[in-house]
């Protein structure tokens, strides 16, 4: 879930919206408003940590 609206590489994450991270071969595809971003497993963990003030993981 996006805690604050932000943009990265032309993709937009809007405050209060939920976005899905799909597992793909060797990583994850994170789907935002106007496109998706692919990350390796290692990079995805770093992105989750770096964006922890604007993005929170919801599981379950």
PDB file of N, CA and C in Angstrom:
ATOM      1  N   UNK A   1       0.843  -1.166   0.000  1.00  0.00           N
ATOM      2  CA  UNK A   1       0.000   0.000   0.000  1.00  0.00           C
ATOM      3  C   UNK A   1       0.896   1.239   0.000  1.00  0.00           C
ATOM      4  N   UNK A   2       0.463   2.210  -0.752  1.00  0.00           N
ATOM      5  CA  UNK A   2       1.218   3.445  -0.865  1.00  0.00           C
ATOM      6  C   UNK A   2       0.823   4.396   0.270  1.00  0.00           C
ATOM      7  N   UNK A   3       1.786   4.772   1.107  1.00  0.00           N
ATOM      8  CA  UNK A   3       1.529   5.675   2.229  1.00  0.00           C
ATOM      9  C   UNK A   3       1.538   7.134   1.800  1.00  0.00           C
ATOM     10  N   UNK A   4       2.300   7.454   0.790  1.00  0.00           N
ATOM     11  CA  UNK A   4       2.397   8.794   0.223  1.00  0.00           C
ATOM     12  C   UNK A   4       2.510   8.644  -1.286  1.00  0.00           C
ATOM     13  N   UNK A   5       1.920   9.560  -2.032  1.00  0.00           N
ATOM     14  CA  UNK A   5       2.042   9.525  -3.488  1.00  0.00           C
ATOM     15  C   UNK A   5       3.480   9.830  -3.896  1.00  0.00           C
ATOM     16  N   UNK A   6       3.981   9.080  -4.874  1.00  0.00           N
ATOM     17  CA  UNK A   6       5.307   9.343  -5.422  1.00  0.00           C
ATOM     18  C   UNK A   6       5.384   8.765  -6.828  1.00  0.00           C
ATOM     19  N   UNK A   7       6.407   9.191  -7.558  1.00  0.00           N
ATOM     20  CA  UNK A   7       6.665   8.683  -8.910  1.00  0.00           C
ATOM     21  C   UNK A   7       8.094   8.189  -8.986  1.00  0.00           C
ATOM     22  N   UNK A   8       8.295   7.150  -9.767  1.00  0.00           N
ATOM     23  CA  UNK A   8       9.631   6.622 -10.023  1.00  0.00           C
ATOM     24  C   UNK A   8       9.670   6.116 -11.455  1.00  0.00           C
ATOM     25  N   UNK A   9      10.626   6.597 -12.198  1.00  0.00           N
ATOM     26  CA  UNK A   9      10.802   6.185 -13.592  1.00  0.00           C
ATOM     27  C   UNK A   9       9.507   6.294 -14.387  1.00  0.00           C
ATOM     28  N   UNK A  10       8.720   7.332 -14.125  1.00  0.00           N
ATOM     29  CA  UNK A  10       7.490   7.559 -14.862  1.00  0.00           C
ATOM     30  C   UNK A  10       6.301   6.740 -14.402  1.00  0.00           C
ATOM     31  N   UNK A  11       6.479   5.930 -13.379  1.00  0.00           N
ATOM     32  CA  UNK A  11       5.365   5.152 -12.823  1.00  0.00           C
ATOM     33  C   UNK A  11       4.887   5.858 -11.563  1.00  0.00           C
ATOM     34  N   UNK A  12       3.570   5.854 -11.332  1.00  0.00           N
ATOM     35  CA  UNK A  12       3.006   6.596 -10.220  1.00  0.00           C
ATOM     36  C   UNK A  12       2.365   5.682  -9.193  1.00  0.00           C
ATOM     37  N   UNK A  13       2.667   5.956  -7.937  1.00  0.00           N
ATOM     38  CA  UNK A  13       2.094   5.261  -6.794  1.00  0.00           C
ATOM     39  C   UNK A  13       1.246   6.298  -6.053  1.00  0.00           C
ATOM     40  N   UNK A  14      -0.052   6.059  -5.941  1.00  0.00           N
ATOM     41  CA  UNK A  14      -0.959   7.036  -5.352  1.00  0.00           C
ATOM     42  C   UNK A  14      -1.290   6.679  -3.906  1.00  0.00           C
ATOM     43  N   UNK A  15      -1.250   7.686  -3.052  1.00  0.00           N
ATOM     44  CA  UNK A  15      -1.500   7.506  -1.617  1.00  0.00           C
ATOM     45  C   UNK A  15      -2.814   6.759  -1.384  1.00  0.00           C
ATOM     46  N   UNK A  16      -2.753   5.739  -0.520  1.00  0.00           N
ATOM     47  CA  UNK A  16      -3.930   4.967  -0.138  1.00  0.00           C
ATOM     48  C   UNK A  16      -4.288   3.830  -1.083  1.00  0.00           C
ATOM     49  N   UNK A  17      -3.594   3.729  -2.210  1.00  0.00           N
ATOM     50  CA  UNK A  17      -3.874   2.663  -3.173  1.00  0.00           C
ATOM     51  C   UNK A  17      -2.998   1.443  -2.895  1.00  0.00           C
ATOM     52  N   UNK A  18      -3.531   0.273  -3.201  1.00  0.00           N
ATOM     53  CA  UNK A  18      -2.775  -0.980  -3.079  1.00  0.00           C
ATOM     54  C   UNK A  18      -2.251  -1.386  -4.450  1.00  0.00           C
ATOM     55  N   UNK A  19      -1.023  -1.861  -4.480  1.00  0.00           N
ATOM     56  CA  UNK A  19      -0.381  -2.310  -5.714  1.00  0.00           C
ATOM     57  C   UNK A  19       0.157  -3.710  -5.478  1.00  0.00           C
ATOM     58  N   UNK A  20       0.221  -4.495  -6.535  1.00  0.00           N
ATOM     59  CA  UNK A  20       0.620  -5.890  -6.411  1.00  0.00           C
ATOM     60  C   UNK A  20       2.029  -6.106  -6.936  1.00  0.00           C
ATOM     61  N   UNK A  21       2.775  -6.929  -6.212  1.00  0.00           N
ATOM     62  CA  UNK A  21       4.090  -7.391  -6.654  1.00  0.00           C
ATOM     63  C   UNK A  21       3.934  -8.864  -7.007  1.00  0.00           C
ATOM     64  N   UNK A  22       4.114  -9.194  -8.285  1.00  0.00           N
ATOM     65  CA  UNK A  22       3.984 -10.563  -8.768  1.00  0.00           C
ATOM     66  C   UNK A  22       5.356 -11.209  -8.862  1.00  0.00           C
ATOM     67  N   UNK A  23       5.489 -12.454  -8.366  1.00  0.00           N
ATOM     68  CA  UNK A  23       6.757 -13.156  -8.550  1.00  0.00           C
ATOM     69  C   UNK A  23       6.961 -13.487 -10.031  1.00  0.00           C
ATOM     70  N   UNK A  24       8.159 -13.219 -10.515  1.00  0.00           N
ATOM     71  CA  UNK A  24       8.562 -13.588 -11.869  1.00  0.00           C
ATOM     72  C   UNK A  24       9.885 -14.315 -11.750  1.00  0.00           C
ATOM     73  N   UNK A  25      10.343 -14.923 -12.793  1.00  0.00           N
ATOM     74  CA  UNK A  25      11.595 -15.668 -12.756  1.00  0.00           C
ATOM     75  C   UNK A  25      12.751 -14.848 -12.208  1.00  0.00           C
ATOM     76  N   UNK A  26      13.201 -15.167 -11.010  1.00  0.00           N
ATOM     77  CA  UNK A  26      14.355 -14.500 -10.405  1.00  0.00           C
ATOM     78  C   UNK A  26      14.067 -13.156  -9.780  1.00  0.00           C
ATOM     79  N   UNK A  27      12.781 -12.805  -9.590  1.00  0.00           N
ATOM     80  CA  UNK A  27      12.490 -11.511  -8.996  1.00  0.00           C
ATOM     81  C   UNK A  27      11.011 -11.219  -8.879  1.00  0.00           C
ATOM     82  N   UNK A  28      10.680  -9.930  -8.997  1.00  0.00           N
ATOM     83  CA  UNK A  28       9.295  -9.480  -8.846  1.00  0.00           C
ATOM     84  C   UNK A  28       8.956  -8.408  -9.864  1.00  0.00           C
ATOM     85  N   UNK A  29       7.688  -8.381 -10.244  1.00  0.00           N
ATOM     86  CA  UNK A  29       7.129  -7.325 -11.092  1.00  0.00           C
ATOM     87  C   UNK A  29       6.187  -6.530 -10.197  1.00  0.00           C
ATOM     88  N   UNK A  30       6.477  -5.244 -10.004  1.00  0.00           N
ATOM     89  CA  UNK A  30       5.651  -4.360  -9.193  1.00  0.00           C
ATOM     90  C   UNK A  30       4.817  -3.507 -10.140  1.00  0.00           C
ATOM     91  N   UNK A  31       3.493  -3.632 -10.038  1.00  0.00           N
ATOM     92  CA  UNK A  31       2.569  -2.968 -10.959  1.00  0.00           C
ATOM     93  C   UNK A  31       2.031  -1.695 -10.320  1.00  0.00           C
ATOM     94  N   UNK A  32       2.320  -0.546 -10.963  1.00  0.00           N
ATOM     95  CA  UNK A  32       1.831   0.757 -10.503  1.00  0.00           C
ATOM     96  C   UNK A  32       0.732   1.256 -11.428  1.00  0.00           C
ATOM     97  N   UNK A  33       0.367   2.527 -11.298  1.00  0.00           N
ATOM     98  CA  UNK A  33      -0.732   3.117 -12.060  1.00  0.00           C
ATOM     99  C   UNK A  33      -0.563   3.002 -13.571  1.00  0.00           C
ATOM    100  N   UNK A  34       0.570   3.384 -14.078  1.00  0.00           N
ATOM    101  CA  UNK A  34       0.724   3.459 -15.533  1.00  0.00           C
ATOM    102  C   UNK A  34       1.913   2.638 -16.027  1.00  0.00           C
ATOM    103  N   UNK A  35       2.082   1.481 -15.431  1.00  0.00           N
ATOM    104  CA  UNK A  35       3.153   0.605 -15.879  1.00  0.00           C
ATOM    105  C   UNK A  35       3.696  -0.231 -14.740  1.00  0.00           C
ATOM    106  N   UNK A  36       4.636  -1.086 -15.070  1.00  0.00           N
ATOM    107  CA  UNK A  36       5.205  -1.942 -14.054  1.00  0.00           C
ATOM    108  C   UNK A  36       6.720  -1.813 -14.066  1.00  0.00           C
ATOM    109  N   UNK A  37       7.319  -2.297 -12.991  1.00  0.00           N
ATOM    110  CA  UNK A  37       8.767  -2.276 -12.826  1.00  0.00           C
ATOM    111  C   UNK A  37       9.205  -3.683 -12.449  1.00  0.00           C
ATOM    112  N   UNK A  38      10.254  -4.187 -13.090  1.00  0.00           N
ATOM    113  CA  UNK A  38      10.790  -5.510 -12.785  1.00  0.00           C
ATOM    114  C   UNK A  38      12.057  -5.378 -11.954  1.00  0.00           C
ATOM    115  N   UNK A  39      12.147  -6.189 -10.913  1.00  0.00           N
ATOM    116  CA  UNK A  39      13.298  -6.170 -10.009  1.00  0.00           C
ATOM    117  C   UNK A  39      13.801  -7.595  -9.795  1.00  0.00           C
ATOM    118  N   UNK A  40      15.118  -7.752  -9.676  1.00  0.00           N
ATOM    119  CA  UNK A  40      15.664  -9.026  -9.231  1.00  0.00           C
ATOM    120  C   UNK A  40      15.297  -9.193  -7.756  1.00  0.00           C
ATOM    121  N   UNK A  41      15.415 -10.396  -7.227  1.00  0.00           N
ATOM    122  CA  UNK A  41      15.123 -10.627  -5.810  1.00  0.00           C
ATOM    123  C   UNK A  41      15.922  -9.690  -4.921  1.00  0.00           C
ATOM    124  N   UNK A  42      17.219  -9.575  -5.184  1.00  0.00           N
ATOM    125  CA  UNK A  42      18.093  -8.730  -4.373  1.00  0.00           C
ATOM    126  C   UNK A  42      17.687  -7.266  -4.459  1.00  0.00           C
ATOM    127  N   UNK A  43      17.443  -6.790  -5.654  1.00  0.00           N
ATOM    128  CA  UNK A  43      17.075  -5.390  -5.828  1.00  0.00           C
ATOM    129  C   UNK A  43      15.710  -5.104  -5.221  1.00  0.00           C
ATOM    130  N   UNK A  44      14.780  -6.034  -5.311  1.00  0.00           N
ATOM    131  CA  UNK A  44      13.450  -5.827  -4.740  1.00  0.00           C
ATOM    132  C   UNK A  44      13.548  -5.621  -3.233  1.00  0.00           C
ATOM    133  N   UNK A  45      14.366  -6.404  -2.559  1.00  0.00           N
ATOM    134  CA  UNK A  45      14.545  -6.243  -1.112  1.00  0.00           C
ATOM    135  C   UNK A  45      15.112  -4.863  -0.788  1.00  0.00           C
ATOM    136  N   UNK A  46      16.051  -4.386  -1.598  1.00  0.00           N
ATOM    137  CA  UNK A  46      16.633  -3.050  -1.392  1.00  0.00           C
ATOM    138  C   UNK A  46      15.605  -1.960  -1.658  1.00  0.00           C
ATOM    139  N   UNK A  47      14.759  -2.135  -2.673  1.00  0.00           N
ATOM    140  CA  UNK A  47      13.721  -1.156  -2.999  1.00  0.00           C
ATOM    141  C   UNK A  47      12.691  -1.085  -1.876  1.00  0.00           C
ATOM    142  N   UNK A  48      12.259  -2.233  -1.372  1.00  0.00           N
ATOM    143  CA  UNK A  48      11.298  -2.270  -0.271  1.00  0.00           C
ATOM    144  C   UNK A  48      11.861  -1.498   0.930  1.00  0.00           C
ATOM    145  N   UNK A  49      13.128  -1.686   1.225  1.00  0.00           N
ATOM    146  CA  UNK A  49      13.760  -0.971   2.335  1.00  0.00           C
ATOM    147  C   UNK A  49      13.875   0.528   2.038  1.00  0.00           C
ATOM    148  N   UNK A  50      14.319   0.878   0.841  1.00  0.00           N
ATOM    149  CA  UNK A  50      14.514   2.282   0.474  1.00  0.00           C
ATOM    150  C   UNK A  50      13.189   3.046   0.430  1.00  0.00           C
ATOM    151  N   UNK A  51      12.114   2.386   0.026  1.00  0.00           N
ATOM    152  CA  UNK A  51      10.810   3.039  -0.090  1.00  0.00           C
ATOM    153  C   UNK A  51       9.936   2.817   1.145  1.00  0.00           C
ATOM    154  N   UNK A  52      10.502   2.368   2.246  1.00  0.00           N
ATOM    155  CA  UNK A  52       9.713   2.019   3.428  1.00  0.00           C
ATOM    156  C   UNK A  52       8.949   3.199   4.023  1.00  0.00           C
ATOM    157  N   UNK A  53       9.354   4.421   3.717  1.00  0.00           N
ATOM    158  CA  UNK A  53       8.621   5.575   4.232  1.00  0.00           C
ATOM    159  C   UNK A  53       7.397   5.932   3.370  1.00  0.00           C
ATOM    160  N   UNK A  54       7.300   5.355   2.161  1.00  0.00           N
ATOM    161  CA  UNK A  54       6.174   5.661   1.273  1.00  0.00           C
ATOM    162  C   UNK A  54       5.402   4.409   0.821  1.00  0.00           C
ATOM    163  N   UNK A  55       5.936   3.220   1.090  1.00  0.00           N
ATOM    164  CA  UNK A  55       5.319   1.983   0.625  1.00  0.00           C
ATOM    165  C   UNK A  55       5.420   0.935   1.732  1.00  0.00           C
ATOM    166  N   UNK A  56       4.305   0.278   2.049  1.00  0.00           N
ATOM    167  CA  UNK A  56       4.308  -0.753   3.072  1.00  0.00           C
ATOM    168  C   UNK A  56       3.760  -2.041   2.469  1.00  0.00           C
ATOM    169  N   UNK A  57       4.386  -3.158   2.830  1.00  0.00           N
ATOM    170  CA  UNK A  57       3.967  -4.462   2.327  1.00  0.00           C
ATOM    171  C   UNK A  57       2.812  -5.001   3.156  1.00  0.00           C
ATOM    172  N   UNK A  58       1.773  -5.423   2.463  1.00  0.00           N
ATOM    173  CA  UNK A  58       0.621  -6.053   3.111  1.00  0.00           C
ATOM    174  C   UNK A  58       0.557  -7.487   2.594  1.00  0.00           C
ATOM    175  N   UNK A  59       0.557  -8.444   3.495  1.00  0.00           N
ATOM    176  CA  UNK A  59       0.484  -9.850   3.091  1.00  0.00           C
ATOM    177  C   UNK A  59      -0.764 -10.473   3.701  1.00  0.00           C
ATOM    178  N   UNK A  60      -1.150 -11.577   3.132  1.00  0.00           N
ATOM    179  CA  UNK A  60      -2.246 -12.299   3.755  1.00  0.00           C
ATOM    180  C   UNK A  60      -3.386 -12.529   2.911  1.00  0.00           C
TER     181      UNK A  60
END
